[in-house]
Amino acid sequence: MPTHRYKHGVLGDRIEAGAITIRKSDGSLSSFVLTRESVFEDLTPRLADLDRDGRTEVIVVRSYLKHGGTVSVLGLRMDELDLLAELPPIGQPNRWLNPSIIADLDGSGRPVIGLVRTPHIGGQLQIWRFAKGRLEPVLSATGFSNHSIGNRALGLTAVLSSGEERRIIIPDATQANLLVLDAISLSRLASIPLPARPIRDFVVQRDSAGHQWVEIGFEDGITYKLSDPSGRLFD
C-alpha cells in the first residue's frame, strides 16, 4: 500500500508504506493496515523474539503525520497481526528515528531495541526492552548518528563481543568519528576518526579463529575494515 501522504522523504523518496503483511508458519497471510494518520517510514521490518515467548515480533518505524516518528512492535494476537506496543512519537512532524540495533547486549539471551532518536540533529541513542506487552526504557546517551538524510542504509551500527561483554560500534553525531561503546553503560571506550561519511550498512565478519571485524563503506567509494588485533576493545 504505497502512499505519498507523508511529505518527509528522509529515506530518499516520498513513497512510504501504508501496511505490513506477514506470512505465518502455516502459509497464510495477515496484514496490519494503517489509517491515514500515519505511515511506515521504513525500508525493512526487523524480526526478533523480543520477549522469548517463542513467537516472532516485527519491529518497524512508524511516523505520524502530525507527531513524527516512533517504533512499533507488531505481533500475532488472536492469530492476526496487531500492534503489541509502541513508543510515544517524537512529538512533531518530519522528526524521525532509526532502530539499528536488535541484539542481546547483556548476555541474558533477550534482544533489546537500540534506536537513535533524531539522528540528523544531535541524536540520542536509546535502549528499550519489550516485556509484559510494553516497551521499557533501559538507558540512553546523546551524541550519535546512524543515518544520513536521503540514504537508504539504516544499519550504520555493529554489535561485537569482548569476551562475555558486548560493544556497540556507531558514528558520533557528526559522523566524523566512529565510537566504541560499552553496551551495558553506553560509556565511550574509544573514538576513531573516519576518512569520509559512512553510507553503507556495517557488516560484521568473523574468521575461523573467532576474531571479529567490521566492514564499513564510505562515500569516497572505499570499504575499510575495522579490527582490533590487540583485543583491548573487542575480540
Protein backbone atom coordinates (compact mmCIF):
# COMPACT_ATOMS: atom_id res chain seq x y z
CA MET A 1 0.00 0.00 0.00
CA PRO A 2 2.44 2.71 -1.13
CA THR A 3 1.40 6.22 -0.15
CA HIS A 4 2.56 9.83 -0.60
CA ARG A 5 0.58 11.18 2.35
CA TYR A 6 3.67 11.94 4.49
CA LYS A 7 5.83 14.69 2.96
CA HIS A 8 9.20 13.91 4.52
CA GLY A 9 11.35 11.77 2.21
CA VAL A 10 14.13 11.08 4.70
CA LEU A 11 14.89 7.72 3.02
CA GLY A 12 15.45 9.14 -0.45
CA ASP A 13 11.92 9.33 -1.84
CA ARG A 14 8.41 10.43 -0.81
CA ILE A 15 6.83 6.97 -1.04
CA GLU A 16 6.11 5.26 2.28
CA ALA A 17 4.21 2.10 3.24
CA GLY A 18 0.62 2.07 4.39
CA ALA A 19 0.58 -1.54 5.56
CA ILE A 20 2.68 -4.56 6.54
CA THR A 21 1.82 -8.13 5.53
CA ILE A 22 3.36 -11.22 7.11
CA ARG A 23 3.30 -14.85 6.06
CA LYS A 24 2.61 -17.12 9.02
CA SER A 25 4.13 -20.55 9.56
CA ASP A 26 1.03 -22.21 8.07
CA GLY A 27 1.47 -20.18 4.87
CA SER A 28 -1.49 -17.85 5.41
CA LEU A 29 -1.15 -14.05 5.28
CA SER A 30 -2.09 -11.39 7.78
CA SER A 31 -1.87 -7.60 7.31
CA PHE A 32 -1.74 -4.59 9.59
CA VAL A 33 -3.17 -1.61 7.71
CA LEU A 34 -2.58 1.94 8.93
CA THR A 35 -5.15 4.72 8.96
CA ARG A 36 -4.43 7.98 7.14
CA GLU A 37 -2.83 9.49 10.26
CA SER A 38 0.46 7.57 9.88
CA VAL A 39 2.82 5.64 7.59
CA PHE A 40 5.58 3.10 7.99
CA GLU A 41 8.61 5.31 7.29
CA ASP A 42 10.97 2.39 6.99
CA LEU A 43 12.56 0.00 4.49
CA THR A 44 12.89 -3.42 6.11
CA PRO A 45 10.91 -4.71 9.11
CA ARG A 46 13.11 -6.27 11.79
CA LEU A 47 12.17 -9.72 13.10
CA ALA A 48 13.04 -10.97 16.59
CA ASP A 49 11.56 -12.81 19.54
CA LEU A 50 11.89 -9.88 21.92
CA ASP A 51 10.26 -11.45 24.96
CA ARG A 52 11.41 -15.05 24.39
CA ASP A 53 7.90 -16.47 24.25
CA GLY A 54 8.69 -18.46 21.12
CA ARG A 55 6.84 -16.08 18.79
CA THR A 56 8.40 -13.57 16.43
CA GLU A 57 7.77 -9.84 16.80
CA VAL A 58 8.02 -7.30 13.97
CA ILE A 59 9.87 -4.06 14.80
CA VAL A 60 9.22 -1.16 12.44
CA VAL A 61 9.42 2.65 12.26
CA ARG A 62 6.02 4.31 12.15
CA SER A 63 5.61 8.05 11.54
CA TYR A 64 2.53 10.06 12.41
CA LEU A 65 1.73 12.93 10.07
CA LYS A 66 1.31 15.36 12.98
CA HIS A 67 3.58 13.83 15.62
CA GLY A 68 6.62 12.32 13.87
CA GLY A 69 8.39 9.01 14.26
CA THR A 70 8.07 6.15 16.71
CA VAL A 71 8.90 2.45 16.97
CA SER A 72 6.04 -0.03 16.73
CA VAL A 73 6.20 -3.66 17.84
CA LEU A 74 3.74 -5.87 15.94
CA GLY A 75 2.90 -9.49 16.52
CA LEU A 76 0.18 -12.09 16.37
CA ARG A 77 -2.86 -11.55 18.57
CA MET A 78 -5.84 -13.86 18.07
CA ASP A 79 -3.88 -15.20 15.09
CA GLU A 80 -3.89 -11.80 13.34
CA LEU A 81 -1.09 -9.24 13.00
CA ASP A 82 -1.70 -6.49 15.55
CA LEU A 83 0.03 -3.68 17.42
CA LEU A 84 1.59 -5.03 20.64
CA ALA A 85 3.45 -1.95 21.87
CA GLU A 86 4.59 1.45 20.66
CA LEU A 87 6.84 4.23 21.92
CA PRO A 88 5.44 7.76 22.22
CA PRO A 89 6.10 9.58 18.93
CA ILE A 90 8.76 12.28 18.90
CA GLY A 91 6.09 14.99 19.01
CA GLN A 92 6.32 16.94 15.76
CA PRO A 93 6.20 16.07 12.05
CA ASN A 94 9.34 15.36 10.00
CA ARG A 95 11.22 14.07 13.04
CA TRP A 96 12.45 10.51 12.66
CA LEU A 97 14.31 7.76 14.49
CA ASN A 98 16.30 4.73 13.39
CA PRO A 99 16.38 1.41 15.32
CA SER A 100 19.66 -0.04 14.07
CA ILE A 101 20.25 -2.46 16.98
CA ILE A 102 18.22 -5.60 17.66
CA ALA A 103 20.61 -7.63 19.80
CA ASP A 104 21.27 -9.26 23.16
CA LEU A 105 23.50 -6.67 24.82
CA ASP A 106 23.77 -8.10 28.34
CA GLY A 107 24.11 -11.86 27.73
CA SER A 108 20.61 -12.59 29.01
CA GLY A 109 19.53 -14.12 25.71
CA ARG A 110 16.85 -11.46 25.24
CA PRO A 111 17.34 -8.98 22.41
CA VAL A 112 16.69 -5.30 23.04
CA ILE A 113 15.94 -2.45 20.65
CA GLY A 114 18.60 0.21 20.21
CA LEU A 115 17.50 3.33 18.33
CA VAL A 116 18.85 6.78 17.61
CA ARG A 117 16.22 9.45 18.10
CA THR A 118 16.62 12.31 15.58
CA PRO A 119 19.91 11.00 14.08
CA HIS A 120 20.23 14.11 11.84
CA ILE A 121 20.11 16.65 14.69
CA GLY A 122 22.23 15.60 17.66
CA GLY A 123 20.82 12.10 18.01
CA GLN A 124 20.14 10.30 21.27
CA LEU A 125 20.92 6.58 21.49
CA GLN A 126 18.15 4.83 23.45
CA ILE A 127 17.92 1.19 24.53
CA TRP A 128 14.45 -0.30 25.06
CA ARG A 129 13.28 -3.71 26.29
CA PHE A 130 9.97 -5.33 25.33
CA ALA A 131 8.46 -7.12 28.31
CA LYS A 132 4.94 -7.89 29.56
CA GLY A 133 3.42 -6.30 26.50
CA ARG A 134 5.12 -2.94 26.77
CA LEU A 135 8.39 -1.19 25.92
CA GLU A 136 10.53 -0.27 28.92
CA PRO A 137 13.49 2.16 28.81
CA VAL A 138 16.87 0.72 29.75
CA LEU A 139 19.36 3.57 29.23
CA SER A 140 20.26 6.42 26.87
CA ALA A 141 23.11 8.72 25.85
CA THR A 142 23.39 11.65 23.45
CA GLY A 143 25.66 12.49 20.51
CA PHE A 144 25.11 9.80 17.85
CA SER A 145 24.00 9.46 14.22
CA ASN A 146 23.19 6.17 12.48
CA HIS A 147 21.74 7.64 9.27
CA SER A 148 22.25 10.38 6.68
CA ILE A 149 19.29 12.20 5.10
CA GLY A 150 18.35 10.59 1.78
CA ASN A 151 20.46 7.49 2.35
CA ARG A 152 18.81 4.07 2.25
CA ALA A 153 21.38 2.44 4.56
CA LEU A 154 19.82 2.07 8.02
CA GLY A 155 22.45 -0.22 9.54
CA LEU A 156 25.31 2.14 10.43
CA THR A 157 25.86 0.22 13.66
CA ALA A 158 27.50 -3.01 14.74
CA VAL A 159 27.47 -5.09 17.92
CA LEU A 160 30.67 -7.02 18.70
CA SER A 161 31.80 -9.26 21.54
CA SER A 162 34.59 -8.76 24.05
CA GLY A 163 34.65 -11.99 26.00
CA GLU A 164 31.27 -12.08 27.74
CA GLU A 165 30.72 -8.35 27.18
CA ARG A 166 29.27 -6.52 24.18
CA ARG A 167 30.50 -3.46 22.32
CA ILE A 168 28.42 -1.08 20.17
CA ILE A 169 30.14 0.49 17.15
CA ILE A 170 28.32 3.64 15.98
CA PRO A 171 29.20 7.05 14.44
CA ASP A 172 29.09 10.19 16.53
CA ALA A 173 26.57 12.96 15.80
CA THR A 174 28.80 14.48 13.10
CA GLN A 175 29.71 11.12 11.53
CA ALA A 176 33.31 12.30 11.62
CA ASN A 177 34.27 9.72 14.23
CA LEU A 178 33.40 6.12 14.97
CA LEU A 179 32.66 5.43 18.64
CA VAL A 180 33.16 2.18 20.54
CA LEU A 181 30.71 1.94 23.44
CA ASP A 182 30.32 -0.42 26.34
CA ALA A 183 26.89 -1.93 25.65
CA ILE A 184 25.83 -2.02 29.31
CA SER A 185 26.63 1.57 30.30
CA LEU A 186 26.97 3.25 26.84
CA SER A 187 30.24 4.72 28.10
CA ARG A 188 32.70 5.64 25.33
CA LEU A 189 35.72 3.36 25.18
CA ALA A 190 37.32 4.72 22.00
CA SER A 191 36.85 7.29 19.24
CA ILE A 192 38.25 6.58 15.76
CA PRO A 193 38.45 9.37 13.11
CA LEU A 194 36.66 8.46 9.88
CA PRO A 195 38.07 9.25 6.41
CA ALA A 196 34.62 10.05 4.96
CA ARG A 197 30.92 9.71 5.72
CA PRO A 198 29.73 6.06 6.00
CA ILE A 199 26.96 5.31 3.51
CA ARG A 200 26.58 1.51 3.60
CA ASP A 201 25.33 -0.85 6.30
CA PHE A 202 28.07 -2.06 8.63
CA VAL A 203 28.84 -5.76 8.09
CA VAL A 204 30.29 -7.86 10.93
CA GLN A 205 32.65 -10.63 9.83
CA ARG A 206 34.35 -13.39 11.81
CA ASP A 207 37.28 -15.60 10.84
CA SER A 208 37.82 -19.27 11.67
CA ALA A 209 39.61 -18.35 14.89
CA GLY A 210 36.63 -16.31 16.07
CA HIS A 211 38.20 -12.86 15.60
CA GLN A 212 35.73 -10.17 14.53
CA TRP A 213 35.95 -7.15 12.29
CA VAL A 214 33.53 -4.66 10.73
CA GLU A 215 33.42 -3.72 7.05
CA ILE A 216 32.40 -0.08 6.52
CA GLY A 217 31.71 1.51 3.13
CA PHE A 218 32.22 5.25 2.74
CA GLU A 219 31.04 7.93 0.31
CA ASP A 220 34.55 8.08 -1.20
CA GLY A 221 33.89 4.60 -2.63
CA ILE A 222 36.36 2.81 -0.37
CA THR A 223 35.44 0.00 2.02
CA TYR A 224 37.50 -0.17 5.20
CA LYS A 225 38.00 -2.95 7.70
CA LEU A 226 37.82 -2.08 11.40
CA SER A 227 39.58 -4.66 13.54
CA ASP A 228 41.26 -4.75 16.95
CA PRO A 229 44.35 -7.02 16.82
CA SER A 230 45.20 -6.06 20.41
CA GLY A 231 41.87 -7.42 21.68
CA ARG A 232 41.58 -4.46 24.02
CA LEU A 233 38.15 -3.34 22.77
CA PHE A 234 36.72 -6.45 21.12
CA ASP A 235 37.86 -9.96 20.31
